[in-house]
C-alpha atoms as a PDB file:
ATOM      1  CA  MET A   1       0.000   0.000   0.000  1.00  0.00           C
ATOM      2  CA  ARG A   2       2.891   2.338   0.649  1.00  0.00           C
ATOM      3  CA  GLU A   3       3.792   2.209  -3.032  1.00  0.00           C
ATOM      4  CA  LEU A   4       0.236   3.155  -4.005  1.00  0.00           C
ATOM      5  CA  ARG A   5       0.433   6.116  -1.637  1.00  0.00           C
ATOM      6  CA  GLU A   6       3.816   7.247  -2.971  1.00  0.00           C
ATOM      7  CA  PHE A   7       2.467   7.265  -6.523  1.00  0.00           C
ATOM      8  CA  ARG A   8      -0.577   9.163  -5.228  1.00  0.00           C
ATOM      9  CA  VAL A   9       1.653  11.845  -3.708  1.00  0.00           C
ATOM     10  CA  ALA A  10       3.741  12.098  -6.911  1.00  0.00           C
ATOM     11  CA  HIS A  11       0.717  11.947  -9.217  1.00  0.00           C
ATOM     12  CA  ASP A  12       0.555  15.689  -9.970  1.00  0.00           C
ATOM     13  CA  ARG A  13       4.206  15.661 -11.030  1.00  0.00           C
ATOM     14  CA  TYR A  14       3.470  12.745 -13.364  1.00  0.00           C
ATOM     15  CA  ALA A  15       0.353  14.442 -14.756  1.00  0.00           C
ATOM     16  CA  GLU A  16       2.224  17.712 -15.377  1.00  0.00           C
ATOM     17  CA  ARG A  17       4.502  15.779 -17.727  1.00  0.00           C
ATOM     18  CA  GLY A  18       1.620  14.017 -19.472  1.00  0.00           C
ATOM     19  CA  LEU A  19       2.494  10.686 -17.860  1.00  0.00           C
ATOM     20  CA  VAL A  20      -0.214   8.192 -16.953  1.00  0.00           C
ATOM     21  CA  VAL A  21      -0.064   6.047 -13.810  1.00  0.00           C
ATOM     22  CA  ALA A  22      -2.049   2.849 -13.307  1.00  0.00           C
ATOM     23  CA  GLY A  23      -1.738  -0.039 -10.902  1.00  0.00           C
ATOM     24  CA  ILE A  24      -2.599  -3.624 -11.767  1.00  0.00           C
ATOM     25  CA  ASN A  25      -3.162  -6.639  -9.565  1.00  0.00           C
ATOM     26  CA  ARG A  26      -5.157  -9.846  -9.501  1.00  0.00           C
ATOM     27  CA  GLU A  27      -7.966  -8.518  -7.300  1.00  0.00           C
ATOM     28  CA  ARG A  28     -11.547  -8.234  -8.512  1.00  0.00           C
ATOM     29  CA  PRO A  29     -12.512  -4.882 -10.092  1.00  0.00           C
ATOM     30  CA  GLU A  30     -14.920  -4.197  -7.202  1.00  0.00           C
ATOM     31  CA  SER A  31     -12.147  -4.692  -4.671  1.00  0.00           C
ATOM     32  CA  ASN A  32      -9.833  -2.377  -6.621  1.00  0.00           C
ATOM     33  CA  LEU A  33     -12.514   0.319  -6.695  1.00  0.00           C
ATOM     34  CA  GLU A  34     -12.878   0.068  -2.925  1.00  0.00           C
ATOM     35  CA  TRP A  35      -9.104   0.350  -2.402  1.00  0.00           C
ATOM     36  CA  ALA A  36      -8.822   3.266  -4.824  1.00  0.00           C
ATOM     37  CA  LYS A  37     -11.560   5.123  -2.945  1.00  0.00           C
ATOM     38  CA  ARG A  38     -10.178   4.270   0.484  1.00  0.00           C
ATOM     39  CA  LEU A  39      -6.662   5.389  -0.448  1.00  0.00           C
ATOM     40  CA  GLU A  40      -7.948   8.359  -2.497  1.00  0.00           C
ATOM     41  CA  LEU A  41      -5.949   7.283  -5.535  1.00  0.00           C
ATOM     42  CA  PRO A  42      -6.107   9.674  -8.516  1.00  0.00           C
ATOM     43  CA  TYR A  43      -5.229   6.810 -10.863  1.00  0.00           C
ATOM     44  CA  PRO A  44      -6.945   3.502 -11.637  1.00  0.00           C
ATOM     45  CA  LEU A  45      -6.225   0.093 -10.187  1.00  0.00           C
ATOM     46  CA  LEU A  46      -6.752  -2.425 -12.963  1.00  0.00           C
ATOM     47  CA  SER A  47      -7.808  -6.019 -12.443  1.00  0.00           C
ATOM     48  CA  ASP A  48      -5.886  -8.970 -13.855  1.00  0.00           C
ATOM     49  CA  ALA A  49      -8.050 -11.603 -12.193  1.00  0.00           C
ATOM     50  CA  GLU A  50      -7.440 -14.023 -15.088  1.00  0.00           C
ATOM     51  CA  ARG A  51      -3.669 -13.410 -14.794  1.00  0.00           C
ATOM     52  CA  LYS A  52      -3.292 -12.744 -18.525  1.00  0.00           C
ATOM     53  CA  ALA A  53      -1.292  -9.515 -18.156  1.00  0.00           C
ATOM     54  CA  GLY A  54       0.816 -10.975 -15.354  1.00  0.00           C
ATOM     55  CA  GLY A  55       1.618 -14.001 -17.490  1.00  0.00           C
ATOM     56  CA  ALA A  56       2.438 -11.917 -20.556  1.00  0.00           C
ATOM     57  CA  LEU A  57       4.687  -9.604 -18.518  1.00  0.00           C
ATOM     58  CA  ARG A  58       6.251 -12.577 -16.698  1.00  0.00           C
ATOM     59  CA  VAL A  59       5.645 -11.199 -13.232  1.00  0.00           C
ATOM     60  CA  ILE A  60       3.905 -14.260 -11.831  1.00  0.00           C
ATOM     61  CA  ARG A  61       5.950 -16.745  -9.887  1.00  0.00           C
ATOM     62  CA  ARG A  62       4.597 -20.059  -8.735  1.00  0.00           C
ATOM     63  CA  ILE A  63       5.403 -21.049  -5.160  1.00  0.00           C
ATOM     64  CA  GLY A  64       4.964 -24.616  -4.012  1.00  0.00           C
ATOM     65  CA  VAL A  65       3.226 -25.000  -0.670  1.00  0.00           C
ATOM     66  CA  GLY A  66       3.080 -28.682   0.161  1.00  0.00           C
ATOM     67  CA  PRO A  67       1.005 -30.366  -2.545  1.00  0.00           C
ATOM     68  CA  TRP A  68      -0.404 -27.021  -3.708  1.00  0.00           C
ATOM     69  CA  ALA A  69       0.978 -24.239  -5.848  1.00  0.00           C
ATOM     70  CA  VAL A  70       0.240 -20.560  -5.325  1.00  0.00           C
ATOM     71  CA  ASP A  71       0.694 -17.919  -8.022  1.00  0.00           C
ATOM     72  CA  MET A  72       2.213 -14.726  -6.638  1.00  0.00           C
ATOM     73  CA  TYR A  73       2.796 -11.479  -8.477  1.00  0.00           C
ATOM     74  CA  ARG A  74       6.292 -10.023  -8.208  1.00  0.00           C
ATOM     75  CA  ARG A  75       6.017  -6.347  -7.365  1.00  0.00           C
ATOM     76  CA  SER A  76       7.157  -4.761 -10.631  1.00  0.00           C
ATOM     77  CA  THR A  77       6.985  -1.431 -12.403  1.00  0.00           C
ATOM     78  CA  PHE A  78       6.983  -0.907 -16.154  1.00  0.00           C
ATOM     79  CA  LEU A  79       7.698   2.405 -17.848  1.00  0.00           C
ATOM     80  CA  ILE A  80       6.027   2.519 -21.251  1.00  0.00           C
ATOM     81  CA  ASP A  81       7.259   4.999 -23.845  1.00  0.00           C
ATOM     82  CA  ALA A  82       5.158   7.140 -26.198  1.00  0.00           C
ATOM     83  CA  GLN A  83       5.226   4.363 -28.830  1.00  0.00           C
ATOM     84  CA  GLY A  84       3.787   1.861 -26.355  1.00  0.00           C
ATOM     85  CA  LEU A  85       7.038  -0.048 -25.883  1.00  0.00           C
ATOM     86  CA  ILE A  86       8.461  -1.062 -22.524  1.00  0.00           C
ATOM     87  CA  ALA A  87      11.309   1.378 -21.916  1.00  0.00           C
ATOM     88  CA  ALA A  88      12.298   0.322 -18.387  1.00  0.00           C
ATOM     89  CA  VAL A  89      11.449  -2.404 -15.895  1.00  0.00           C
ATOM     90  CA  TRP A  90      11.875  -2.525 -12.149  1.00  0.00           C
ATOM     91  CA  GLY A  91      11.503  -6.170 -11.210  1.00  0.00           C
ATOM     92  CA  SER A  92      12.662  -5.873  -7.636  1.00  0.00           C
ATOM     93  CA  VAL A  93      10.936  -2.807  -6.293  1.00  0.00           C
ATOM     94  CA  LYS A  94      12.070  -1.150  -3.087  1.00  0.00           C
ATOM     95  CA  VAL A  95       8.938   0.727  -2.166  1.00  0.00           C
ATOM     96  CA  ARG A  96      10.350   3.769  -0.370  1.00  0.00           C
ATOM     97  CA  GLY A  97      11.262   6.377  -2.953  1.00  0.00           C
ATOM     98  CA  HIS A  98      10.220   4.206  -5.897  1.00  0.00           C
ATOM     99  CA  ALA A  99       7.684   6.673  -7.353  1.00  0.00           C
ATOM    100  CA  ALA A 100      10.364   9.367  -7.436  1.00  0.00           C
ATOM    101  CA  GLN A 101      12.842   6.953  -9.035  1.00  0.00           C
ATOM    102  CA  VAL A 102      10.379   6.108 -11.810  1.00  0.00           C
ATOM    103  CA  LEU A 103       9.685   9.796 -12.395  1.00  0.00           C
ATOM    104  CA  VAL A 104      13.426  10.475 -12.849  1.00  0.00           C
ATOM    105  CA  ALA A 105      13.617   7.659 -15.406  1.00  0.00           C
ATOM    106  CA  ALA A 106      10.534   8.973 -17.225  1.00  0.00           C
ATOM    107  CA  GLU A 107      12.047  12.460 -17.391  1.00  0.00           C
ATOM    108  CA  ALA A 108      15.311  11.011 -18.768  1.00  0.00           C
ATOM    109  CA  LEU A 109      13.339   9.073 -21.374  1.00  0.00           C
ATOM    110  CA  GLU A 110      11.465  12.254 -22.319  1.00  0.00           C
ATOM    111  CA  ARG A 111      14.723  14.207 -22.655  1.00  0.00           C
ATOM    112  CA  GLY A 112      16.192  11.433 -24.802  1.00  0.00           C
ATOM    113  CA  SER A 113      13.217  11.405 -27.156  1.00  0.00           C
ATOM    114  CA  ALA A 114      13.296  15.194 -27.512  1.00  0.00           C
ATOM    115  CA  ARG A 115      16.695  15.003 -29.213  1.00  0.00           C
END
């Protein structure tokens, strides 16, 4: 939740640069709406209940628990460029300061594309 809050706090700085923020998880859409309201998020939380996006982005890891297997999402961040291509990936996110780190990378990407 801390990560959601950090992106909430940084949201205006993202919006000023024309950047779009969205979160995605495997919760039901109704649950995501409740969390977005509770945390006063100015960006959407998207549902990947069928795990299609998580599978395509390879952020799901299967953990064996006795005779069962549990699919867990790795906390990851993807920076998508103006052409819709993945420009940067954070696969091992350290939550504190992460929103600011992503913003710096987005600004560097913007500067690079302006050349």
